[in-house]
């Protein structure tokens, strides 16, 4: 087995293994159907709070690593795609790195923390 074949095997069998590092997410390419794939998810990237007309909102960013194998992952991830993790929808903000084995993506979403003065309800959207 070649070095590159070993790397591909490690990506599928170790890094993107849900009993090791990964979890199952739903990835939807623009104009396509949702597809369940495995990803390593880092939820600790970035949060920014801002107060706007809709009230207090949090802009969140997280990072994921996915396979670019056509069967096991997403062959060509794009900033037009969407990802669902734990029932929450995220936009692909940036494709950081991509090669023949995997891709590193930045995802973003906006969450309402507190409604504006006109709407006194509290909650997360």
PDB file of N, CA and C in Angstrom:
ATOM      1  N   UNK A   1       0.855  -1.183   0.000  1.00  0.00           N
ATOM      2  CA  UNK A   1       0.000   0.000   0.000  1.00  0.00           C
ATOM      3  C   UNK A   1       0.898   1.242   0.000  1.00  0.00           C
ATOM      4  N   UNK A   2       0.565   2.210  -0.847  1.00  0.00           N
ATOM      5  CA  UNK A   2       1.376   3.423  -0.944  1.00  0.00           C
ATOM      6  C   UNK A   2       1.084   4.383   0.209  1.00  0.00           C
ATOM      7  N   UNK A   3       1.953   5.366   0.359  1.00  0.00           N
ATOM      8  CA  UNK A   3       1.780   6.387   1.390  1.00  0.00           C
ATOM      9  C   UNK A   3       0.450   7.124   1.201  1.00  0.00           C
ATOM     10  N   UNK A   4       0.123   7.491  -0.043  1.00  0.00           N
ATOM     11  CA  UNK A   4      -1.130   8.211  -0.320  1.00  0.00           C
ATOM     12  C   UNK A   4      -2.352   7.352  -0.026  1.00  0.00           C
ATOM     13  N   UNK A   5      -2.286   6.067  -0.316  1.00  0.00           N
ATOM     14  CA  UNK A   5      -3.387   5.167   0.023  1.00  0.00           C
ATOM     15  C   UNK A   5      -3.550   5.062   1.538  1.00  0.00           C
ATOM     16  N   UNK A   6      -2.422   5.054   2.258  1.00  0.00           N
ATOM     17  CA  UNK A   6      -2.478   5.041   3.727  1.00  0.00           C
ATOM     18  C   UNK A   6      -3.143   6.308   4.264  1.00  0.00           C
ATOM     19  N   UNK A   7      -2.799   7.467   3.663  1.00  0.00           N
ATOM     20  CA  UNK A   7      -3.405   8.730   4.107  1.00  0.00           C
ATOM     21  C   UNK A   7      -4.912   8.707   3.883  1.00  0.00           C
ATOM     22  N   UNK A   8      -5.336   8.216   2.733  1.00  0.00           N
ATOM     23  CA  UNK A   8      -6.770   8.144   2.442  1.00  0.00           C
ATOM     24  C   UNK A   8      -7.461   7.205   3.425  1.00  0.00           C
ATOM     25  N   UNK A   9      -6.842   6.088   3.725  1.00  0.00           N
ATOM     26  CA  UNK A   9      -7.407   5.147   4.689  1.00  0.00           C
ATOM     27  C   UNK A   9      -7.500   5.753   6.079  1.00  0.00           C
ATOM     28  N   UNK A  10      -6.463   6.488   6.487  1.00  0.00           N
ATOM     29  CA  UNK A  10      -6.498   7.159   7.793  1.00  0.00           C
ATOM     30  C   UNK A  10      -7.612   8.194   7.851  1.00  0.00           C
ATOM     31  N   UNK A  11      -7.805   8.943   6.775  1.00  0.00           N
ATOM     32  CA  UNK A  11      -8.858   9.959   6.744  1.00  0.00           C
ATOM     33  C   UNK A  11     -10.221   9.307   6.963  1.00  0.00           C
ATOM     34  N   UNK A  12     -10.489   8.229   6.249  1.00  0.00           N
ATOM     35  CA  UNK A  12     -11.795   7.576   6.325  1.00  0.00           C
ATOM     36  C   UNK A  12     -11.972   6.761   7.607  1.00  0.00           C
ATOM     37  N   UNK A  13     -10.921   6.047   8.020  1.00  0.00           N
ATOM     38  CA  UNK A  13     -11.065   5.061   9.100  1.00  0.00           C
ATOM     39  C   UNK A  13     -10.703   5.559  10.490  1.00  0.00           C
ATOM     40  N   UNK A  14      -9.952   6.666  10.589  1.00  0.00           N
ATOM     41  CA  UNK A  14      -9.543   7.160  11.902  1.00  0.00           C
ATOM     42  C   UNK A  14     -10.088   8.564  12.144  1.00  0.00           C
ATOM     43  N   UNK A  15      -9.670   9.507  11.315  1.00  0.00           N
ATOM     44  CA  UNK A  15     -10.039  10.903  11.537  1.00  0.00           C
ATOM     45  C   UNK A  15     -11.548  11.108  11.429  1.00  0.00           C
ATOM     46  N   UNK A  16     -12.177  10.550  10.393  1.00  0.00           N
ATOM     47  CA  UNK A  16     -13.617  10.736  10.198  1.00  0.00           C
ATOM     48  C   UNK A  16     -14.434   9.553  10.722  1.00  0.00           C
ATOM     49  N   UNK A  17     -13.913   8.881  11.700  1.00  0.00           N
ATOM     50  CA  UNK A  17     -14.592   7.764  12.339  1.00  0.00           C
ATOM     51  C   UNK A  17     -15.419   8.306  13.508  1.00  0.00           C
ATOM     52  N   UNK A  18     -16.718   8.037  13.511  1.00  0.00           N
ATOM     53  CA  UNK A  18     -17.592   8.585  14.561  1.00  0.00           C
ATOM     54  C   UNK A  18     -17.331   7.976  15.939  1.00  0.00           C
ATOM     55  N   UNK A  19     -16.613   6.883  16.020  1.00  0.00           N
ATOM     56  CA  UNK A  19     -16.239   6.352  17.343  1.00  0.00           C
ATOM     57  C   UNK A  19     -14.907   6.935  17.809  1.00  0.00           C
ATOM     58  N   UNK A  20     -14.266   7.721  16.962  1.00  0.00           N
ATOM     59  CA  UNK A  20     -12.992   8.349  17.316  1.00  0.00           C
ATOM     60  C   UNK A  20     -13.165   9.861  17.459  1.00  0.00           C
ATOM     61  N   UNK A  21     -13.113  10.592  16.345  1.00  0.00           N
ATOM     62  CA  UNK A  21     -13.084  12.054  16.374  1.00  0.00           C
ATOM     63  C   UNK A  21     -14.303  12.722  15.754  1.00  0.00           C
ATOM     64  N   UNK A  22     -15.013  12.042  14.893  1.00  0.00           N
ATOM     65  CA  UNK A  22     -16.023  12.686  14.046  1.00  0.00           C
ATOM     66  C   UNK A  22     -17.445  12.511  14.562  1.00  0.00           C
ATOM     67  N   UNK A  23     -18.348  13.252  13.932  1.00  0.00           N
ATOM     68  CA  UNK A  23     -19.780  13.115  14.160  1.00  0.00           C
ATOM     69  C   UNK A  23     -20.480  13.222  12.811  1.00  0.00           C
ATOM     70  N   UNK A  24     -21.723  12.780  12.763  1.00  0.00           N
ATOM     71  CA  UNK A  24     -22.481  12.832  11.515  1.00  0.00           C
ATOM     72  C   UNK A  24     -23.161  14.185  11.393  1.00  0.00           C
ATOM     73  N   UNK A  25     -22.993  14.807  10.218  1.00  0.00           N
ATOM     74  CA  UNK A  25     -23.631  16.086   9.905  1.00  0.00           C
ATOM     75  C   UNK A  25     -24.426  15.914   8.616  1.00  0.00           C
ATOM     76  N   UNK A  26     -25.241  16.893   8.295  1.00  0.00           N
ATOM     77  CA  UNK A  26     -25.961  16.887   7.025  1.00  0.00           C
ATOM     78  C   UNK A  26     -25.421  18.023   6.171  1.00  0.00           C
ATOM     79  N   UNK A  27     -24.946  17.678   4.996  1.00  0.00           N
ATOM     80  CA  UNK A  27     -24.337  18.651   4.082  1.00  0.00           C
ATOM     81  C   UNK A  27     -25.225  18.762   2.853  1.00  0.00           C
ATOM     82  N   UNK A  28     -25.560  19.994   2.459  1.00  0.00           N
ATOM     83  CA  UNK A  28     -26.382  20.223   1.273  1.00  0.00           C
ATOM     84  C   UNK A  28     -25.640  21.145   0.326  1.00  0.00           C
ATOM     85  N   UNK A  29     -25.249  20.606  -0.829  1.00  0.00           N
ATOM     86  CA  UNK A  29     -24.628  21.453  -1.841  1.00  0.00           C
ATOM     87  C   UNK A  29     -25.723  22.297  -2.489  1.00  0.00           C
ATOM     88  N   UNK A  30     -25.356  23.472  -2.981  1.00  0.00           N
ATOM     89  CA  UNK A  30     -26.349  24.363  -3.586  1.00  0.00           C
ATOM     90  C   UNK A  30     -27.090  23.626  -4.700  1.00  0.00           C
ATOM     91  N   UNK A  31     -28.420  23.626  -4.600  1.00  0.00           N
ATOM     92  CA  UNK A  31     -29.253  22.981  -5.600  1.00  0.00           C
ATOM     93  C   UNK A  31     -29.302  21.472  -5.483  1.00  0.00           C
ATOM     94  N   UNK A  32     -28.690  20.905  -4.452  1.00  0.00           N
ATOM     95  CA  UNK A  32     -28.637  19.459  -4.296  1.00  0.00           C
ATOM     96  C   UNK A  32     -29.491  18.965  -3.144  1.00  0.00           C
ATOM     97  N   UNK A  33     -29.430  17.690  -2.916  1.00  0.00           N
ATOM     98  CA  UNK A  33     -30.166  17.051  -1.827  1.00  0.00           C
ATOM     99  C   UNK A  33     -29.269  16.912  -0.606  1.00  0.00           C
ATOM    100  N   UNK A  34     -29.847  16.956   0.591  1.00  0.00           N
ATOM    101  CA  UNK A  34     -29.056  16.772   1.811  1.00  0.00           C
ATOM    102  C   UNK A  34     -28.377  15.399   1.826  1.00  0.00           C
ATOM    103  N   UNK A  35     -27.145  15.366   2.334  1.00  0.00           N
ATOM    104  CA  UNK A  35     -26.369  14.131   2.403  1.00  0.00           C
ATOM    105  C   UNK A  35     -25.741  14.024   3.791  1.00  0.00           C
ATOM    106  N   UNK A  36     -25.922  12.892   4.451  1.00  0.00           N
ATOM    107  CA  UNK A  36     -25.294  12.651   5.749  1.00  0.00           C
ATOM    108  C   UNK A  36     -23.856  12.211   5.526  1.00  0.00           C
ATOM    109  N   UNK A  37     -22.923  12.938   6.157  1.00  0.00           N
ATOM    110  CA  UNK A  37     -21.502  12.599   6.065  1.00  0.00           C
ATOM    111  C   UNK A  37     -20.873  12.752   7.448  1.00  0.00           C
ATOM    112  N   UNK A  38     -19.657  12.252   7.584  1.00  0.00           N
ATOM    113  CA  UNK A  38     -18.933  12.402   8.838  1.00  0.00           C
ATOM    114  C   UNK A  38     -18.031  13.630   8.742  1.00  0.00           C
ATOM    115  N   UNK A  39     -17.868  14.320   9.877  1.00  0.00           N
ATOM    116  CA  UNK A  39     -17.016  15.504   9.942  1.00  0.00           C
ATOM    117  C   UNK A  39     -16.435  15.639  11.338  1.00  0.00           C
ATOM    118  N   UNK A  40     -15.254  16.211  11.413  1.00  0.00           N
ATOM    119  CA  UNK A  40     -14.691  16.647  12.686  1.00  0.00           C
ATOM    120  C   UNK A  40     -15.158  18.080  12.868  1.00  0.00           C
ATOM    121  N   UNK A  41     -15.797  18.380  14.003  1.00  0.00           N
ATOM    122  CA  UNK A  41     -16.386  19.691  14.247  1.00  0.00           C
ATOM    123  C   UNK A  41     -15.670  20.353  15.424  1.00  0.00           C
ATOM    124  N   UNK A  42     -15.168  21.565  15.192  1.00  0.00           N
ATOM    125  CA  UNK A  42     -14.560  22.377  16.253  1.00  0.00           C
ATOM    126  C   UNK A  42     -15.489  23.554  16.503  1.00  0.00           C
ATOM    127  N   UNK A  43     -16.216  23.509  17.609  1.00  0.00           N
ATOM    128  CA  UNK A  43     -17.216  24.528  17.922  1.00  0.00           C
ATOM    129  C   UNK A  43     -16.624  25.774  18.604  1.00  0.00           C
ATOM    130  N   UNK A  44     -15.332  25.807  18.836  1.00  0.00           N
ATOM    131  CA  UNK A  44     -14.744  26.876  19.623  1.00  0.00           C
ATOM    132  C   UNK A  44     -14.075  27.990  18.849  1.00  0.00           C
ATOM    133  N   UNK A  45     -14.442  28.221  17.620  1.00  0.00           N
ATOM    134  CA  UNK A  45     -13.704  29.175  16.794  1.00  0.00           C
ATOM    135  C   UNK A  45     -13.953  30.633  17.155  1.00  0.00           C
ATOM    136  N   UNK A  46     -15.191  31.140  17.054  1.00  0.00           N
ATOM    137  CA  UNK A  46     -15.387  32.589  17.110  1.00  0.00           C
ATOM    138  C   UNK A  46     -16.843  32.927  17.406  1.00  0.00           C
ATOM    139  N   UNK A  47     -17.066  33.848  18.289  1.00  0.00           N
ATOM    140  CA  UNK A  47     -18.389  34.418  18.563  1.00  0.00           C
ATOM    141  C   UNK A  47     -18.244  35.924  18.620  1.00  0.00           C
ATOM    142  N   UNK A  48     -19.168  36.630  18.010  1.00  0.00           N
ATOM    143  CA  UNK A  48     -19.184  38.093  18.065  1.00  0.00           C
ATOM    144  C   UNK A  48     -20.601  38.528  18.418  1.00  0.00           C
ATOM    145  N   UNK A  49     -20.744  39.369  19.406  1.00  0.00           N
ATOM    146  CA  UNK A  49     -22.048  39.870  19.833  1.00  0.00           C
ATOM    147  C   UNK A  49     -22.233  41.274  19.265  1.00  0.00           C
ATOM    148  N   UNK A  50     -23.418  41.544  18.724  1.00  0.00           N
ATOM    149  CA  UNK A  50     -23.728  42.891  18.264  1.00  0.00           C
ATOM    150  C   UNK A  50     -25.170  43.234  18.587  1.00  0.00           C
ATOM    151  N   UNK A  51     -25.413  44.503  18.831  1.00  0.00           N
ATOM    152  CA  UNK A  51     -26.744  44.985  19.141  1.00  0.00           C
ATOM    153  C   UNK A  51     -27.255  45.747  17.915  1.00  0.00           C
ATOM    154  N   UNK A  52     -28.308  45.219  17.299  1.00  0.00           N
ATOM    155  CA  UNK A  52     -28.853  45.827  16.092  1.00  0.00           C
ATOM    156  C   UNK A  52     -30.349  46.011  16.192  1.00  0.00           C
ATOM    157  N   UNK A  53     -30.986  46.366  15.076  1.00  0.00           N
ATOM    158  CA  UNK A  53     -32.427  46.614  15.071  1.00  0.00           C
ATOM    159  C   UNK A  53     -33.261  45.405  15.503  1.00  0.00           C
ATOM    160  N   UNK A  54     -32.753  44.191  15.269  1.00  0.00           N
ATOM    161  CA  UNK A  54     -33.484  42.986  15.683  1.00  0.00           C
ATOM    162  C   UNK A  54     -33.162  42.583  17.113  1.00  0.00           C
ATOM    163  N   UNK A  55     -32.318  43.359  17.791  1.00  0.00           N
ATOM    164  CA  UNK A  55     -31.943  43.043  19.161  1.00  0.00           C
ATOM    165  C   UNK A  55     -30.515  42.546  19.231  1.00  0.00           C
ATOM    166  N   UNK A  56     -30.180  41.910  20.333  1.00  0.00           N
ATOM    167  CA  UNK A  56     -28.846  41.392  20.573  1.00  0.00           C
ATOM    168  C   UNK A  56     -28.663  40.110  19.767  1.00  0.00           C
ATOM    169  N   UNK A  57     -27.634  40.067  18.923  1.00  0.00           N
ATOM    170  CA  UNK A  57     -27.395  38.904  18.079  1.00  0.00           C
ATOM    171  C   UNK A  57     -25.950  38.448  18.195  1.00  0.00           C
ATOM    172  N   UNK A  58     -25.776  37.152  18.014  1.00  0.00           N
ATOM    173  CA  UNK A  58     -24.441  36.559  18.063  1.00  0.00           C
ATOM    174  C   UNK A  58     -24.116  36.010  16.678  1.00  0.00           C
ATOM    175  N   UNK A  59     -22.990  36.437  16.135  1.00  0.00           N
ATOM    176  CA  UNK A  59     -22.457  35.869  14.906  1.00  0.00           C
ATOM    177  C   UNK A  59     -21.477  34.783  15.315  1.00  0.00           C
ATOM    178  N   UNK A  60     -21.748  33.552  14.902  1.00  0.00           N
ATOM    179  CA  UNK A  60     -20.912  32.422  15.307  1.00  0.00           C
ATOM    180  C   UNK A  60     -20.168  31.857  14.122  1.00  0.00           C
ATOM    181  N   UNK A  61     -18.973  31.382  14.368  1.00  0.00           N
ATOM    182  CA  UNK A  61     -18.194  30.645  13.384  1.00  0.00           C
ATOM    183  C   UNK A  61     -17.663  29.380  14.041  1.00  0.00           C
ATOM    184  N   UNK A  62     -17.711  28.289  13.279  1.00  0.00           N
ATOM    185  CA  UNK A  62     -17.105  27.032  13.710  1.00  0.00           C
ATOM    186  C   UNK A  62     -16.326  26.468  12.527  1.00  0.00           C
ATOM    187  N   UNK A  63     -15.491  25.487  12.797  1.00  0.00           N
ATOM    188  CA  UNK A  63     -14.696  24.849  11.753  1.00  0.00           C
ATOM    189  C   UNK A  63     -15.084  23.390  11.639  1.00  0.00           C
ATOM    190  N   UNK A  64     -15.064  22.877  10.400  1.00  0.00           N
ATOM    191  CA  UNK A  64     -15.253  21.441  10.199  1.00  0.00           C
ATOM    192  C   UNK A  64     -14.216  20.927   9.202  1.00  0.00           C
ATOM    193  N   UNK A  65     -13.935  19.638   9.318  1.00  0.00           N
ATOM    194  CA  UNK A  65     -13.079  18.937   8.373  1.00  0.00           C
ATOM    195  C   UNK A  65     -13.897  17.773   7.823  1.00  0.00           C
ATOM    196  N   UNK A  66     -13.956  17.679   6.491  1.00  0.00           N
ATOM    197  CA  UNK A  66     -14.751  16.642   5.836  1.00  0.00           C
ATOM    198  C   UNK A  66     -13.905  15.923   4.788  1.00  0.00           C
ATOM    199  N   UNK A  67     -14.394  14.782   4.341  1.00  0.00           N
ATOM    200  CA  UNK A  67     -13.769  14.054   3.243  1.00  0.00           C
ATOM    201  C   UNK A  67     -14.190  14.688   1.918  1.00  0.00           C
ATOM    202  N   UNK A  68     -13.278  14.688   0.937  1.00  0.00           N
ATOM    203  CA  UNK A  68     -13.628  15.127  -0.408  1.00  0.00           C
ATOM    204  C   UNK A  68     -13.815  13.930  -1.343  1.00  0.00           C
ATOM    205  N   UNK A  69     -13.939  12.747  -0.760  1.00  0.00           N
ATOM    206  CA  UNK A  69     -14.268  11.555  -1.525  1.00  0.00           C
ATOM    207  C   UNK A  69     -15.726  11.670  -1.988  1.00  0.00           C
ATOM    208  N   UNK A  70     -15.998  11.394  -3.252  1.00  0.00           N
ATOM    209  CA  UNK A  70     -17.338  11.577  -3.806  1.00  0.00           C
ATOM    210  C   UNK A  70     -18.389  10.714  -3.099  1.00  0.00           C
ATOM    211  N   UNK A  71     -18.008   9.562  -2.611  1.00  0.00           N
ATOM    212  CA  UNK A  71     -18.958   8.667  -1.945  1.00  0.00           C
ATOM    213  C   UNK A  71     -19.092   8.990  -0.461  1.00  0.00           C
ATOM    214  N   UNK A  72     -17.964   9.155   0.223  1.00  0.00           N
ATOM    215  CA  UNK A  72     -17.978   9.330   1.681  1.00  0.00           C
ATOM    216  C   UNK A  72     -18.133  10.774   2.129  1.00  0.00           C
ATOM    217  N   UNK A  73     -17.931  11.726   1.222  1.00  0.00           N
ATOM    218  CA  UNK A  73     -17.958  13.134   1.620  1.00  0.00           C
ATOM    219  C   UNK A  73     -18.536  14.026   0.540  1.00  0.00           C
ATOM    220  N   UNK A  74     -17.951  15.202   0.402  1.00  0.00           N
ATOM    221  CA  UNK A  74     -18.367  16.191  -0.589  1.00  0.00           C
ATOM    222  C   UNK A  74     -17.148  16.480  -1.468  1.00  0.00           C
ATOM    223  N   UNK A  75     -17.248  16.138  -2.731  1.00  0.00           N
ATOM    224  CA  UNK A  75     -16.101  16.235  -3.632  1.00  0.00           C
ATOM    225  C   UNK A  75     -15.603  17.668  -3.818  1.00  0.00           C
ATOM    226  N   UNK A  76     -16.545  18.617  -3.954  1.00  0.00           N
ATOM    227  CA  UNK A  76     -16.168  20.016  -4.192  1.00  0.00           C
ATOM    228  C   UNK A  76     -17.002  20.936  -3.308  1.00  0.00           C
ATOM    229  N   UNK A  77     -16.629  21.117  -2.042  1.00  0.00           N
ATOM    230  CA  UNK A  77     -17.389  22.019  -1.180  1.00  0.00           C
ATOM    231  C   UNK A  77     -17.283  23.463  -1.682  1.00  0.00           C
ATOM    232  N   UNK A  78     -18.340  24.249  -1.420  1.00  0.00           N
ATOM    233  CA  UNK A  78     -18.410  25.616  -1.933  1.00  0.00           C
ATOM    234  C   UNK A  78     -19.061  26.535  -0.907  1.00  0.00           C
ATOM    235  N   UNK A  79     -18.809  27.829  -1.034  1.00  0.00           N
ATOM    236  CA  UNK A  79     -19.417  28.804  -0.130  1.00  0.00           C
ATOM    237  C   UNK A  79     -20.914  28.972  -0.384  1.00  0.00           C
ATOM    238  N   UNK A  80     -21.459  28.320  -1.384  1.00  0.00           N
ATOM    239  CA  UNK A  80     -22.904  28.348  -1.632  1.00  0.00           C
ATOM    240  C   UNK A  80     -23.628  27.224  -0.897  1.00  0.00           C
ATOM    241  N   UNK A  81     -22.904  26.377  -0.172  1.00  0.00           N
ATOM    242  CA  UNK A  81     -23.476  25.194   0.459  1.00  0.00           C
ATOM    243  C   UNK A  81     -23.945  25.479   1.887  1.00  0.00           C
ATOM    244  N   UNK A  82     -24.764  24.560   2.421  1.00  0.00           N
ATOM    245  CA  UNK A  82     -25.267  24.658   3.789  1.00  0.00           C
ATOM    246  C   UNK A  82     -25.000  23.359   4.538  1.00  0.00           C
ATOM    247  N   UNK A  83     -24.838  23.496   5.848  1.00  0.00           N
ATOM    248  CA  UNK A  83     -24.561  22.349   6.714  1.00  0.00           C
ATOM    249  C   UNK A  83     -25.512  22.401   7.901  1.00  0.00           C
ATOM    250  N   UNK A  84     -26.043  21.246   8.304  1.00  0.00           N
ATOM    251  CA  UNK A  84     -26.871  21.153   9.501  1.00  0.00           C
ATOM    252  C   UNK A  84     -26.130  20.303  10.535  1.00  0.00           C
ATOM    253  N   UNK A  85     -25.932  20.899  11.727  1.00  0.00           N
ATOM    254  CA  UNK A  85     -25.270  20.216  12.832  1.00  0.00           C
ATOM    255  C   UNK A  85     -26.154  20.375  14.058  1.00  0.00           C
ATOM    256  N   UNK A  86     -26.519  19.271  14.681  1.00  0.00           N
ATOM    257  CA  UNK A  86     -27.367  19.285  15.875  1.00  0.00           C
ATOM    258  C   UNK A  86     -28.655  20.079  15.640  1.00  0.00           C
ATOM    259  N   UNK A  87     -29.225  19.955  14.439  1.00  0.00           N
ATOM    260  CA  UNK A  87     -30.492  20.616  14.120  1.00  0.00           C
ATOM    261  C   UNK A  87     -30.381  22.094  13.788  1.00  0.00           C
ATOM    262  N   UNK A  88     -29.165  22.653  13.763  1.00  0.00           N
ATOM    263  CA  UNK A  88     -28.973  24.072  13.444  1.00  0.00           C
ATOM    264  C   UNK A  88     -28.306  24.207  12.079  1.00  0.00           C
ATOM    265  N   UNK A  89     -28.810  25.167  11.286  1.00  0.00           N
ATOM    266  CA  UNK A  89     -28.294  25.380   9.942  1.00  0.00           C
ATOM    267  C   UNK A  89     -27.128  26.368   9.957  1.00  0.00           C
ATOM    268  N   UNK A  90     -26.115  26.044   9.196  1.00  0.00           N
ATOM    269  CA  UNK A  90     -24.901  26.856   9.063  1.00  0.00           C
ATOM    270  C   UNK A  90     -24.627  27.096   7.591  1.00  0.00           C
ATOM    271  N   UNK A  91     -24.020  28.228   7.258  1.00  0.00           N
ATOM    272  CA  UNK A  91     -23.580  28.534   5.903  1.00  0.00           C
ATOM    273  C   UNK A  91     -22.086  28.265   5.802  1.00  0.00           C
ATOM    274  N   UNK A  92     -21.647  27.737   4.658  1.00  0.00           N
ATOM    275  CA  UNK A  92     -20.214  27.596   4.422  1.00  0.00           C
ATOM    276  C   UNK A  92     -19.690  28.987   4.100  1.00  0.00           C
ATOM    277  N   UNK A  93     -18.926  29.534   5.019  1.00  0.00           N
ATOM    278  CA  UNK A  93     -18.393  30.889   4.897  1.00  0.00           C
ATOM    279  C   UNK A  93     -17.114  30.914   4.058  1.00  0.00           C
ATOM    280  N   UNK A  94     -16.267  29.864   4.256  1.00  0.00           N
ATOM    281  CA  UNK A  94     -14.980  29.845   3.571  1.00  0.00           C
ATOM    282  C   UNK A  94     -14.469  28.413   3.457  1.00  0.00           C
ATOM    283  N   UNK A  95     -13.898  28.087   2.311  1.00  0.00           N
ATOM    284  CA  UNK A  95     -13.195  26.818   2.119  1.00  0.00           C
ATOM    285  C   UNK A  95     -11.722  27.133   2.340  1.00  0.00           C
ATOM    286  N   UNK A  96     -11.197  26.732   3.499  1.00  0.00           N
ATOM    287  CA  UNK A  96      -9.827  27.085   3.888  1.00  0.00           C
ATOM    288  C   UNK A  96      -8.790  26.284   3.091  1.00  0.00           C
ATOM    289  N   UNK A  97      -8.899  24.981   3.133  1.00  0.00           N
ATOM    290  CA  UNK A  97      -7.977  24.078   2.444  1.00  0.00           C
ATOM    291  C   UNK A  97      -8.784  22.958   1.824  1.00  0.00           C
ATOM    292  N   UNK A  98      -8.298  22.473   0.695  1.00  0.00           N
ATOM    293  CA  UNK A  98      -8.964  21.347   0.046  1.00  0.00           C
ATOM    294  C   UNK A  98      -7.929  20.600  -0.781  1.00  0.00           C
ATOM    295  N   UNK A  99      -7.930  19.267  -0.642  1.00  0.00           N
ATOM    296  CA  UNK A  99      -7.038  18.449  -1.453  1.00  0.00           C
ATOM    297  C   UNK A  99      -7.799  17.201  -1.865  1.00  0.00           C
ATOM    298  N   UNK A 100      -7.113  16.208  -2.323  1.00  0.00           N
ATOM    299  CA  UNK A 100      -7.770  14.990  -2.790  1.00  0.00           C
ATOM    300  C   UNK A 100      -8.340  14.127  -1.691  1.00  0.00           C
ATOM    301  N   UNK A 101      -8.120  14.487  -0.425  1.00  0.00           N
ATOM    302  CA  UNK A 101      -8.567  13.657   0.684  1.00  0.00           C
ATOM    303  C   UNK A 101      -9.589  14.344   1.585  1.00  0.00           C
ATOM    304  N   UNK A 102      -9.437  15.651   1.783  1.00  0.00           N
ATOM    305  CA  UNK A 102     -10.337  16.329   2.700  1.00  0.00           C
ATOM    306  C   UNK A 102     -10.373  17.826   2.467  1.00  0.00           C
ATOM    307  N   UNK A 103     -11.287  18.464   3.201  1.00  0.00           N
ATOM    308  CA  UNK A 103     -11.430  19.914   3.132  1.00  0.00           C
ATOM    309  C   UNK A 103     -11.631  20.461   4.537  1.00  0.00           C
ATOM    310  N   UNK A 104     -11.114  21.653   4.762  1.00  0.00           N
ATOM    311  CA  UNK A 104     -11.245  22.384   6.020  1.00  0.00           C
ATOM    312  C   UNK A 104     -12.144  23.574   5.722  1.00  0.00           C
ATOM    313  N   UNK A 105     -13.304  23.648   6.389  1.00  0.00           N
ATOM    314  CA  UNK A 105     -14.303  24.669   6.105  1.00  0.00           C
ATOM    315  C   UNK A 105     -14.600  25.518   7.330  1.00  0.00           C
ATOM    316  N   UNK A 106     -14.898  26.786   7.100  1.00  0.00           N
ATOM    317  CA  UNK A 106     -15.401  27.683   8.140  1.00  0.00           C
ATOM    318  C   UNK A 106     -16.899  27.845   7.896  1.00  0.00           C
ATOM    319  N   UNK A 107     -17.692  27.599   8.944  1.00  0.00           N
ATOM    320  CA  UNK A 107     -19.149  27.751   8.860  1.00  0.00           C
ATOM    321  C   UNK A 107     -19.568  28.937   9.709  1.00  0.00           C
ATOM    322  N   UNK A 108     -20.675  29.591   9.326  1.00  0.00           N
ATOM    323  CA  UNK A 108     -21.172  30.715  10.120  1.00  0.00           C
ATOM    324  C   UNK A 108     -22.688  30.672  10.220  1.00  0.00           C
ATOM    325  N   UNK A 109     -23.190  31.312  11.279  1.00  0.00           N
ATOM    326  CA  UNK A 109     -24.633  31.475  11.478  1.00  0.00           C
ATOM    327  C   UNK A 109     -24.858  32.651  12.414  1.00  0.00           C
ATOM    328  N   UNK A 110     -26.038  33.241  12.345  1.00  0.00           N
ATOM    329  CA  UNK A 110     -26.425  34.346  13.212  1.00  0.00           C
ATOM    330  C   UNK A 110     -27.535  33.838  14.135  1.00  0.00           C
ATOM    331  N   UNK A 111     -27.382  34.100  15.424  1.00  0.00           N
ATOM    332  CA  UNK A 111     -28.373  33.677  16.420  1.00  0.00           C
ATOM    333  C   UNK A 111     -28.871  34.895  17.179  1.00  0.00           C
ATOM    334  N   UNK A 112     -30.179  34.985  17.366  1.00  0.00           N
ATOM    335  CA  UNK A 112     -30.741  36.047  18.181  1.00  0.00           C
ATOM    336  C   UNK A 112     -30.642  35.639  19.639  1.00  0.00           C
ATOM    337  N   UNK A 113     -30.062  36.504  20.459  1.00  0.00           N
ATOM    338  CA  UNK A 113     -29.926  36.241  21.895  1.00  0.00           C
ATOM    339  C   UNK A 113     -31.062  36.918  22.646  1.00  0.00           C
ATOM    340  N   UNK A 114     -31.360  38.144  22.277  1.00  0.00           N
ATOM    341  CA  UNK A 114     -32.409  38.908  22.942  1.00  0.00           C
ATOM    342  C   UNK A 114     -33.105  39.761  21.882  1.00  0.00           C
ATOM    343  N   UNK A 115     -34.422  39.746  21.898  1.00  0.00           N
ATOM    344  CA  UNK A 115     -35.191  40.534  20.935  1.00  0.00           C
ATOM    345  C   UNK A 115     -35.069  42.019  21.261  1.00  0.00           C
ATOM    346  N   UNK A 116     -35.413  42.849  20.277  1.00  0.00           N
ATOM    347  CA  UNK A 116     -35.333  44.302  20.470  1.00  0.00           C
ATOM    348  C   UNK A 116     -36.360  44.766  21.496  1.00  0.00           C
ATOM    349  N   UNK A 117     -36.293  46.050  21.873  1.00  0.00           N
ATOM    350  CA  UNK A 117     -37.221  46.635  22.856  1.00  0.00           C
ATOM    351  C   UNK A 117     -38.678  46.462  22.432  1.00  0.00           C
ATOM    352  N   UNK A 118     -38.941  46.430  21.135  1.00  0.00           N
ATOM    353  CA  UNK A 118     -40.313  46.280  20.634  1.00  0.00           C
ATOM    354  C   UNK A 118     -40.855  44.874  20.830  1.00  0.00           C
ATOM    355  N   UNK A 119     -39.986  43.928  21.057  1.00  0.00           N
ATOM    356  CA  UNK A 119     -40.385  42.537  21.223  1.00  0.00           C
ATOM    357  C   UNK A 119     -39.665  42.007  22.456  1.00  0.00           C
ATOM    358  N   UNK A 120     -40.322  41.919  23.581  1.00  0.00           N
ATOM    359  CA  UNK A 120     -39.689  41.610  24.854  1.00  0.00           C
ATOM    360  C   UNK A 120     -39.425  40.123  25.089  1.00  0.00           C
ATOM    361  N   UNK A 121     -39.684  39.280  24.098  1.00  0.00           N
ATOM    362  CA  UNK A 121     -39.415  37.865  24.268  1.00  0.00           C
ATOM    363  C   UNK A 121     -37.919  37.612  24.250  1.00  0.00           C
ATOM    364  N   UNK A 122     -37.486  36.645  25.015  1.00  0.00           N
ATOM    365  CA  UNK A 122     -36.087  36.229  25.050  1.00  0.00           C
ATOM    366  C   UNK A 122     -35.992  34.879  24.368  1.00  0.00           C
ATOM    367  N   UNK A 123     -34.859  34.600  23.799  1.00  0.00           N
ATOM    368  CA  UNK A 123     -34.679  33.262  23.236  1.00  0.00           C
ATOM    369  C   UNK A 123     -33.583  33.210  22.212  1.00  0.00           C
ATOM    370  N   UNK A 124     -33.392  32.037  21.690  1.00  0.00           N
ATOM    371  CA  UNK A 124     -32.393  31.786  20.665  1.00  0.00           C
ATOM    372  C   UNK A 124     -33.131  31.324  19.424  1.00  0.00           C
ATOM    373  N   UNK A 125     -32.693  31.797  18.280  1.00  0.00           N
ATOM    374  CA  UNK A 125     -33.313  31.316  17.041  1.00  0.00           C
ATOM    375  C   UNK A 125     -32.365  30.435  16.290  1.00  0.00           C
TER     376      UNK A 125
END
